[in-house]
C-alpha atoms as a PDB file:
ATOM      1  CA  ILE A   1     161.667-154.180 172.627  1.00  0.00           C
ATOM      2  CA  ARG A   2     162.037-150.513 171.708  1.00  0.00           C
ATOM      3  CA  LEU A   3     159.300-149.539 174.206  1.00  0.00           C
ATOM      4  CA  LYS A   4     161.120-151.435 176.960  1.00  0.00           C
ATOM      5  CA  THR A   5     164.332-149.688 175.959  1.00  0.00           C
ATOM      6  CA  ALA A   6     162.573-146.309 176.043  1.00  0.00           C
ATOM      7  CA  ARG A   7     161.176-147.064 179.523  1.00  0.00           C
ATOM      8  CA  ALA A   8     164.653-148.006 180.746  1.00  0.00           C
ATOM      9  CA  LEU A   9     166.109-144.813 179.260  1.00  0.00           C
ATOM     10  CA  LEU A  10     163.336-142.811 180.938  1.00  0.00           C
ATOM     11  CA  LYS A  11     164.248-144.324 184.310  1.00  0.00           C
ATOM     12  CA  GLN A  12     167.868-143.384 183.650  1.00  0.00           C
ATOM     13  CA  GLU A  13     166.717-139.844 182.749  1.00  0.00           C
ATOM     14  CA  LYS A  14     168.130-140.162 179.238  1.00  0.00           C
ATOM     15  CA  TYR A  15     165.132-138.423 177.764  1.00  0.00           C
ATOM     16  CA  GLU A  16     166.384-137.575 174.271  1.00  0.00           C
ATOM     17  CA  ARG A  17     167.442-141.157 173.620  1.00  0.00           C
ATOM     18  CA  ALA A  18     164.127-142.412 174.985  1.00  0.00           C
ATOM     19  CA  VAL A  19     162.241-140.128 172.589  1.00  0.00           C
ATOM     20  CA  GLU A  20     164.403-141.367 169.712  1.00  0.00           C
ATOM     21  CA  GLU A  21     163.402-144.955 170.518  1.00  0.00           C
ATOM     22  CA  ILE A  22     159.732-144.010 170.695  1.00  0.00           C
ATOM     23  CA  ASP A  23     159.959-142.138 167.397  1.00  0.00           C
ATOM     24  CA  LYS A  24     161.369-145.269 165.745  1.00  0.00           C
ATOM     25  CA  VAL A  25     158.406-147.270 167.076  1.00  0.00           C
ATOM     26  CA  LEU A  26     155.928-144.643 165.887  1.00  0.00           C
ATOM     27  CA  LYS A  27     157.472-144.593 162.441  1.00  0.00           C
ATOM     28  CA  GLU A  28     156.555-148.262 162.115  1.00  0.00           C
ATOM     29  CA  ARG A  29     153.327-148.145 164.143  1.00  0.00           C
ATOM     30  CA  PRO A  30     151.885-144.602 164.220  1.00  0.00           C
ATOM     31  CA  ASP A  31     148.669-145.923 165.786  1.00  0.00           C
ATOM     32  CA  LEU A  32     150.357-147.503 168.844  1.00  0.00           C
ATOM     33  CA  VAL A  33     148.621-145.741 171.724  1.00  0.00           C
ATOM     34  CA  GLU A  34     151.116-146.999 174.306  1.00  0.00           C
ATOM     35  CA  ALA A  35     154.006-145.372 172.419  1.00  0.00           C
ATOM     36  CA  HIS A  36     152.265-141.987 172.318  1.00  0.00           C
ATOM     37  CA  GLN A  37     151.478-142.242 176.016  1.00  0.00           C
ATOM     38  CA  LEU A  38     155.057-143.143 176.899  1.00  0.00           C
ATOM     39  CA  LYS A  39     156.336-140.239 174.817  1.00  0.00           C
ATOM     40  CA  SER A  40     153.947-138.002 176.729  1.00  0.00           C
ATOM     41  CA  ILE A  41     155.365-139.238 180.033  1.00  0.00           C
ATOM     42  CA  ILE A  42     158.903-138.580 178.820  1.00  0.00           C
ATOM     43  CA  HIS A  43     157.983-134.994 177.898  1.00  0.00           C
ATOM     44  CA  LEU A  44     156.249-134.657 181.241  1.00  0.00           C
ATOM     45  CA  ALA A  45     159.443-135.727 183.029  1.00  0.00           C
ATOM     46  CA  GLN A  46     161.219-132.927 181.160  1.00  0.00           C
ATOM     47  CA  HIS A  47     158.508-130.423 182.194  1.00  0.00           C
ATOM     48  CA  HIS A  48     157.568-129.941 178.541  1.00  0.00           C
ATOM     49  CA  PHE A  49     153.865-129.810 179.332  1.00  0.00           C
ATOM     50  CA  GLU A  50     152.698-128.628 175.923  1.00  0.00           C
ATOM     51  CA  LYS A  51     154.544-131.430 174.129  1.00  0.00           C
ATOM     52  CA  ALA A  52     153.277-133.938 176.690  1.00  0.00           C
ATOM     53  CA  LEU A  53     149.711-132.843 176.006  1.00  0.00           C
ATOM     54  CA  GLN A  54     150.221-133.037 172.233  1.00  0.00           C
ATOM     55  CA  ASP A  55     151.523-136.586 172.523  1.00  0.00           C
ATOM     56  CA  PHE A  56     148.696-137.638 174.784  1.00  0.00           C
ATOM     57  CA  GLU A  57     146.127-136.076 172.466  1.00  0.00           C
ATOM     58  CA  GLN A  58     147.792-137.903 169.571  1.00  0.00           C
ATOM     59  CA  ALA A  59     147.108-141.162 171.412  1.00  0.00           C
ATOM     60  CA  LYS A  60     143.547-140.056 172.072  1.00  0.00           C
ATOM     61  CA  GLN A  61     142.709-139.921 168.357  1.00  0.00           C
ATOM     62  CA  PHE A  62     142.856-143.714 168.047  1.00  0.00           C
ATOM     63  CA  GLU A  63     139.911-145.898 169.018  1.00  0.00           C
ATOM     64  CA  HIS A  64     140.833-146.913 172.496  1.00  0.00           C
ATOM     65  CA  PRO A  65     138.721-147.177 175.651  1.00  0.00           C
ATOM     66  CA  TRP A  66     140.196-144.698 178.123  1.00  0.00           C
ATOM     67  CA  ASN A  67     140.628-145.960 181.654  1.00  0.00           C
ATOM     68  CA  ALA A  68     140.390-143.699 184.703  1.00  0.00           C
ATOM     69  CA  SER A  69     144.154-143.327 185.051  1.00  0.00           C
ATOM     70  CA  GLU A  70     144.547-142.190 181.439  1.00  0.00           C
ATOM     71  CA  LEU A  71     141.726-139.663 181.801  1.00  0.00           C
ATOM     72  CA  GLN A  72     143.318-138.361 184.994  1.00  0.00           C
ATOM     73  CA  GLN A  73     146.613-137.839 183.181  1.00  0.00           C
ATOM     74  CA  LEU A  74     144.859-136.062 180.334  1.00  0.00           C
ATOM     75  CA  ILE A  75     143.017-133.793 182.788  1.00  0.00           C
ATOM     76  CA  TRP A  76     146.252-132.953 184.547  1.00  0.00           C
ATOM     77  CA  LEU A  77     147.971-132.127 181.255  1.00  0.00           C
ATOM     78  CA  TYR A  78     145.098-129.868 180.210  1.00  0.00           C
ATOM     79  CA  ARG A  79     145.281-128.106 183.569  1.00  0.00           C
ATOM     80  CA  MET A  80     149.048-127.636 183.322  1.00  0.00           C
ATOM     81  CA  ASN A  81     148.517-126.022 179.913  1.00  0.00           C
ATOM     82  CA  LYS A  82     145.694-123.816 181.274  1.00  0.00           C
ATOM     83  CA  ASN A  83     143.238-125.451 178.886  1.00  0.00           C
ATOM     84  CA  PHE A  84     140.522-125.455 181.521  1.00  0.00           C
ATOM     85  CA  GLU A  85     137.610-125.994 179.149  1.00  0.00           C
ATOM     86  CA  SER A  86     139.070-129.274 177.869  1.00  0.00           C
ATOM     87  CA  ALA A  87     140.130-130.248 181.385  1.00  0.00           C
ATOM     88  CA  GLN A  88     136.573-129.763 182.609  1.00  0.00           C
ATOM     89  CA  LYS A  89     135.101-131.816 179.770  1.00  0.00           C
ATOM     90  CA  ALA A  90     137.507-134.652 180.509  1.00  0.00           C
ATOM     91  CA  ALA A  91     136.830-134.385 184.262  1.00  0.00           C
ATOM     92  CA  PHE A  92     133.067-134.586 183.732  1.00  0.00           C
ATOM     93  CA  GLN A  93     133.692-137.595 181.483  1.00  0.00           C
ATOM     94  CA  LEU A  94     135.791-139.166 184.241  1.00  0.00           C
ATOM     95  CA  VAL A  95     132.966-138.720 186.763  1.00  0.00           C
ATOM     96  CA  GLU A  96     130.357-139.974 184.322  1.00  0.00           C
ATOM     97  CA  HIS A  97     132.243-143.191 183.591  1.00  0.00           C
ATOM     98  CA  TYR A  98     134.077-143.840 186.853  1.00  0.00           C
ATOM     99  CA  GLY A  99     132.438-141.748 189.594  1.00  0.00           C
ATOM    100  CA  ALA A 100     130.493-144.651 191.081  1.00  0.00           C
ATOM    101  CA  THR A 101     133.517-146.953 191.286  1.00  0.00           C
ATOM    102  CA  GLU A 102     136.282-144.389 191.788  1.00  0.00           C
ATOM    103  CA  PRO A 103     135.123-141.568 194.097  1.00  0.00           C
ATOM    104  CA  GLU A 104     138.449-139.784 193.586  1.00  0.00           C
ATOM    105  CA  SER A 105     136.911-138.751 190.270  1.00  0.00           C
ATOM    106  CA  TYR A 106     134.795-136.219 192.181  1.00  0.00           C
ATOM    107  CA  PHE A 107     137.884-134.864 193.902  1.00  0.00           C
ATOM    108  CA  ILE A 108     139.658-134.472 190.549  1.00  0.00           C
ATOM    109  CA  LEU A 109     136.589-132.754 189.108  1.00  0.00           C
ATOM    110  CA  GLY A 110     136.520-130.396 192.094  1.00  0.00           C
ATOM    111  CA  ASP A 111     140.211-129.556 191.680  1.00  0.00           C
ATOM    112  CA  THR A 112     139.763-129.025 187.948  1.00  0.00           C
ATOM    113  CA  LEU A 113     136.803-126.717 188.450  1.00  0.00           C
ATOM    114  CA  MET A 114     138.654-124.905 191.247  1.00  0.00           C
ATOM    115  CA  ASP A 115     141.694-124.303 189.028  1.00  0.00           C
ATOM    116  CA  SER A 116     139.435-122.801 186.407  1.00  0.00           C
ATOM    117  CA  LEU A 117     137.587-120.735 189.001  1.00  0.00           C
ATOM    118  CA  LEU A 118     140.782-119.319 190.491  1.00  0.00           C
ATOM    119  CA  TYR A 119     142.233-118.592 187.071  1.00  0.00           C
ATOM    120  CA  GLU A 120     139.070-116.695 186.104  1.00  0.00           C
ATOM    121  CA  LYS A 121     139.133-114.811 189.408  1.00  0.00           C
ATOM    122  CA  TRP A 122     142.747-113.857 188.764  1.00  0.00           C
ATOM    123  CA  MET A 123     142.025-112.797 185.150  1.00  0.00           C
ATOM    124  CA  LYS A 124     138.647-111.113 185.637  1.00  0.00           C
ATOM    125  CA  GLY A 125     138.521-110.384 189.349  1.00  0.00           C
ATOM    126  CA  THR A 126     135.151-112.086 189.820  1.00  0.00           C
ATOM    127  CA  LEU A 127     133.833-115.477 190.858  1.00  0.00           C
ATOM    128  CA  ASP A 128     131.324-117.395 188.768  1.00  0.00           C
ATOM    129  CA  GLU A 129     128.651-118.481 191.277  1.00  0.00           C
ATOM    130  CA  LYS A 130     127.586-121.491 189.203  1.00  0.00           C
ATOM    131  CA  GLN A 131     131.193-122.636 189.046  1.00  0.00           C
ATOM    132  CA  VAL A 132     131.529-122.218 192.823  1.00  0.00           C
ATOM    133  CA  ASP A 133     128.418-124.369 193.294  1.00  0.00           C
ATOM    134  CA  ARG A 134     129.869-127.079 191.022  1.00  0.00           C
ATOM    135  CA  VAL A 135     133.163-127.034 192.946  1.00  0.00           C
ATOM    136  CA  LEU A 136     131.327-127.392 196.254  1.00  0.00           C
ATOM    137  CA  GLU A 137     129.103-130.150 194.888  1.00  0.00           C
ATOM    138  CA  SER A 138     132.122-132.103 193.638  1.00  0.00           C
ATOM    139  CA  TYR A 139     133.965-131.936 196.957  1.00  0.00           C
ATOM    140  CA  GLN A 140     130.757-132.707 198.864  1.00  0.00           C
ATOM    141  CA  LYS A 141     130.187-135.831 196.779  1.00  0.00           C
ATOM    142  CA  TYR A 142     133.771-136.861 197.371  1.00  0.00           C
ATOM    143  CA  THR A 143     133.369-136.491 201.154  1.00  0.00           C
ATOM    144  CA  LEU A 144     130.155-138.522 201.033  1.00  0.00           C
ATOM    145  CA  TYR A 145     132.038-141.374 199.357  1.00  0.00           C
ATOM    146  CA  ARG A 146     135.220-140.919 201.384  1.00  0.00           C
ATOM    147  CA  PRO A 147     134.223-139.439 204.781  1.00  0.00           C
ATOM    148  CA  GLU A 148     137.435-140.793 206.334  1.00  0.00           C
ATOM    149  CA  LYS A 149     139.675-138.686 204.044  1.00  0.00           C
ATOM    150  CA  ALA A 150     140.794-135.334 205.410  1.00  0.00           C
ATOM    151  CA  HIS A 151     141.629-133.696 202.094  1.00  0.00           C
ATOM    152  CA  GLY A 152     137.975-133.573 200.988  1.00  0.00           C
ATOM    153  CA  TYR A 153     137.077-131.510 204.053  1.00  0.00           C
ATOM    154  CA  TYR A 154     140.188-129.392 203.605  1.00  0.00           C
ATOM    155  CA  LYS A 155     139.158-128.562 200.042  1.00  0.00           C
ATOM    156  CA  LEU A 156     135.657-127.628 201.187  1.00  0.00           C
ATOM    157  CA  ALA A 157     137.206-125.363 203.823  1.00  0.00           C
ATOM    158  CA  THR A 158     139.334-123.588 201.220  1.00  0.00           C
ATOM    159  CA  VAL A 159     136.286-122.923 199.045  1.00  0.00           C
ATOM    160  CA  TYR A 160     134.327-121.503 201.988  1.00  0.00           C
ATOM    161  CA  GLN A 161     137.330-119.395 202.927  1.00  0.00           C
ATOM    162  CA  LEU A 162     137.479-118.067 199.367  1.00  0.00           C
ATOM    163  CA  LEU A 163     133.789-117.167 199.732  1.00  0.00           C
ATOM    164  CA  GLN A 164     134.617-115.465 203.052  1.00  0.00           C
ATOM    165  CA  GLN A 165     132.304-117.835 204.909  1.00  0.00           C
ATOM    166  CA  PHE A 166     134.800-118.194 207.702  1.00  0.00           C
ATOM    167  CA  GLU A 167     132.617-120.095 210.190  1.00  0.00           C
ATOM    168  CA  LEU A 168     131.956-122.852 207.668  1.00  0.00           C
ATOM    169  CA  ALA A 169     135.595-122.812 206.609  1.00  0.00           C
ATOM    170  CA  SER A 170     136.665-123.221 210.221  1.00  0.00           C
ATOM    171  CA  LEU A 171     134.316-126.184 210.744  1.00  0.00           C
ATOM    172  CA  PHE A 172     135.690-127.984 207.705  1.00  0.00           C
ATOM    173  CA  TYR A 173     139.298-127.191 208.632  1.00  0.00           C
ATOM    174  CA  GLN A 174     138.624-128.624 212.094  1.00  0.00           C
ATOM    175  CA  ARG A 175     137.100-131.775 210.585  1.00  0.00           C
ATOM    176  CA  ALA A 176     140.098-132.191 208.289  1.00  0.00           C
ATOM    177  CA  TYR A 177     142.486-131.713 211.200  1.00  0.00           C
ATOM    178  CA  SER A 178     140.614-134.230 213.342  1.00  0.00           C
ATOM    179  CA  LEU A 179     141.072-136.843 210.593  1.00  0.00           C
ATOM    180  CA  SER A 180     144.709-136.022 209.903  1.00  0.00           C
ATOM    181  CA  PRO A 181     146.426-133.961 212.601  1.00  0.00           C
ATOM    182  CA  GLU A 182     149.852-133.994 210.910  1.00  0.00           C
END
């Protein structure tokens, strides 16, 4: 009942009260994965990304098979906290377990690797060629699985533009536009 109450309070944007309800649940059941995840979502709604990640990692410590959606949330939280190494590990895990059935896993991996690549470029001023190859490979695999989706081609175009390969970038931008002209 307390989890339902916390969800209702979250919908009403009464975050502090929602956290209080979750904390009461966790006092009785510290191993309740669902409570940790809900607390993470509440912190996420408040833009407290570090707390959201801590709560989600707390849930991760319990034996629990992670589904694709939970891994995606964890990856996103790592990325928001600029913990790119952990985000990449989780993204590779996502592809390993769900890539064949959920091709979006490749897109998420590509975005995760791209975030890391751009952050490194910003910090160091250079591009890691192996990382660029992994980004391209991820988006290419995504477009093989989802050739009807424009955003895969768009992402490939942005990578080629970053590499100053403007002819290739233009081809992929054109393909993306042809699939989604809006």
